[in-house]
Amino acid sequence: MQRSTRIKLKMGVALGLALLAMVVILQNVEPLTVQLLFVTVTMPRAALLALTLLIGMVIGALVTLAYRRR
């Protein structure tokens, strides 16, 4: 498989997963109370899902950068 084909495939999969994540996030708008250590926060479930997705993406990017520097 050529490099450009692999890149297009990866981009297509990433776009599909991003769209799926957005659908799941937008369907979960009811409020939710979250307790983290000593802090209690009430936020829409969509915000919690989006925040969790963002944190996962940042961790994934940092791990990828760490392995590329080796």
C-alpha atoms as a PDB file:
ATOM      1  CA  MET A   1       0.000   0.000   0.000  1.00  0.00           C
ATOM      2  CA  GLN A   2       1.370   3.404  -0.943  1.00  0.00           C
ATOM      3  CA  ARG A   3       2.102   6.050   1.650  1.00  0.00           C
ATOM      4  CA  SER A   4      -0.534   8.468   0.321  1.00  0.00           C
ATOM      5  CA  THR A   5      -3.183   5.738   0.403  1.00  0.00           C
ATOM      6  CA  ARG A   6      -2.333   4.890   4.026  1.00  0.00           C
ATOM      7  CA  ILE A   7      -2.511   8.557   4.998  1.00  0.00           C
ATOM      8  CA  LYS A   8      -5.908   8.951   3.323  1.00  0.00           C
ATOM      9  CA  LEU A   9      -7.155   5.787   5.053  1.00  0.00           C
ATOM     10  CA  LYS A  10      -5.963   7.018   8.448  1.00  0.00           C
ATOM     11  CA  MET A  11      -7.566  10.411   7.889  1.00  0.00           C
ATOM     12  CA  GLY A  12     -10.837   8.773   6.855  1.00  0.00           C
ATOM     13  CA  VAL A  13     -10.882   6.563   9.945  1.00  0.00           C
ATOM     14  CA  ALA A  14     -10.023   9.535  12.184  1.00  0.00           C
ATOM     15  CA  LEU A  15     -12.795  11.621  10.607  1.00  0.00           C
ATOM     16  CA  GLY A  16     -15.294   8.786  11.031  1.00  0.00           C
ATOM     17  CA  LEU A  17     -14.372   8.335  14.689  1.00  0.00           C
ATOM     18  CA  ALA A  18     -14.571  12.092  15.280  1.00  0.00           C
ATOM     19  CA  LEU A  19     -18.045  12.216  13.738  1.00  0.00           C
ATOM     20  CA  LEU A  20     -19.147   9.242  15.838  1.00  0.00           C
ATOM     21  CA  ALA A  21     -17.802  10.935  18.971  1.00  0.00           C
ATOM     22  CA  MET A  22     -19.685  14.138  18.123  1.00  0.00           C
ATOM     23  CA  VAL A  23     -22.966  12.229  17.650  1.00  0.00           C
ATOM     24  CA  VAL A  24     -22.551  10.489  21.023  1.00  0.00           C
ATOM     25  CA  ILE A  25     -21.640  13.759  22.736  1.00  0.00           C
ATOM     26  CA  LEU A  26     -24.547  15.712  21.259  1.00  0.00           C
ATOM     27  CA  GLN A  27     -27.069  13.034  22.250  1.00  0.00           C
ATOM     28  CA  ASN A  28     -26.063  13.260  25.927  1.00  0.00           C
ATOM     29  CA  VAL A  29     -27.021  16.744  27.078  1.00  0.00           C
ATOM     30  CA  GLU A  30     -28.652  16.025  30.457  1.00  0.00           C
ATOM     31  CA  PRO A  31     -26.882  17.436  33.546  1.00  0.00           C
ATOM     32  CA  LEU A  32     -24.547  15.221  35.536  1.00  0.00           C
ATOM     33  CA  THR A  33     -22.855  15.721  38.915  1.00  0.00           C
ATOM     34  CA  VAL A  34     -19.197  14.711  38.994  1.00  0.00           C
ATOM     35  CA  GLN A  35     -17.096  14.367  42.149  1.00  0.00           C
ATOM     36  CA  LEU A  36     -13.316  14.514  41.850  1.00  0.00           C
ATOM     37  CA  LEU A  37     -11.503  14.394  45.172  1.00  0.00           C
ATOM     38  CA  PHE A  38     -12.943  17.367  47.080  1.00  0.00           C
ATOM     39  CA  VAL A  39     -14.623  19.141  44.168  1.00  0.00           C
ATOM     40  CA  THR A  40     -18.200  18.569  43.000  1.00  0.00           C
ATOM     41  CA  VAL A  41     -19.154  19.912  39.582  1.00  0.00           C
ATOM     42  CA  THR A  42     -22.483  19.793  37.750  1.00  0.00           C
ATOM     43  CA  MET A  43     -22.154  19.912  33.981  1.00  0.00           C
ATOM     44  CA  PRO A  44     -23.901  18.534  30.920  1.00  0.00           C
ATOM     45  CA  ARG A  45     -22.927  14.951  30.157  1.00  0.00           C
ATOM     46  CA  ALA A  46     -21.848  16.177  26.698  1.00  0.00           C
ATOM     47  CA  ALA A  47     -19.245  18.467  28.293  1.00  0.00           C
ATOM     48  CA  LEU A  48     -17.867  15.601  30.381  1.00  0.00           C
ATOM     49  CA  LEU A  49     -17.657  13.351  27.314  1.00  0.00           C
ATOM     50  CA  ALA A  50     -15.961  16.075  25.271  1.00  0.00           C
ATOM     51  CA  LEU A  51     -13.494  16.769  28.094  1.00  0.00           C
ATOM     52  CA  THR A  52     -12.700  13.068  28.427  1.00  0.00           C
ATOM     53  CA  LEU A  53     -12.173  12.794  24.662  1.00  0.00           C
ATOM     54  CA  LEU A  54      -9.878  15.831  24.692  1.00  0.00           C
ATOM     55  CA  ILE A  55      -7.814  14.466  27.585  1.00  0.00           C
ATOM     56  CA  GLY A  56      -7.465  11.131  25.778  1.00  0.00           C
ATOM     57  CA  MET A  57      -6.341  12.846  22.587  1.00  0.00           C
ATOM     58  CA  VAL A  58      -3.729  14.906  24.454  1.00  0.00           C
ATOM     59  CA  ILE A  59      -2.384  11.820  26.238  1.00  0.00           C
ATOM     60  CA  GLY A  60      -2.236   9.928  22.940  1.00  0.00           C
ATOM     61  CA  ALA A  61      -0.360  12.775  21.262  1.00  0.00           C
ATOM     62  CA  LEU A  62       2.123  13.024  24.140  1.00  0.00           C
ATOM     63  CA  VAL A  63       2.793   9.275  24.097  1.00  0.00           C
ATOM     64  CA  THR A  64       3.290   9.364  20.320  1.00  0.00           C
ATOM     65  CA  LEU A  65       5.756  12.250  20.627  1.00  0.00           C
ATOM     66  CA  ALA A  66       7.645  10.442  23.394  1.00  0.00           C
ATOM     67  CA  TYR A  67       8.061   7.310  21.251  1.00  0.00           C
ATOM     68  CA  ARG A  68       9.119   9.303  18.179  1.00  0.00           C
ATOM     69  CA  ARG A  69      11.926  11.017  20.101  1.00  0.00           C
ATOM     70  CA  ARG A  70      13.541   7.661  21.003  1.00  0.00           C
END
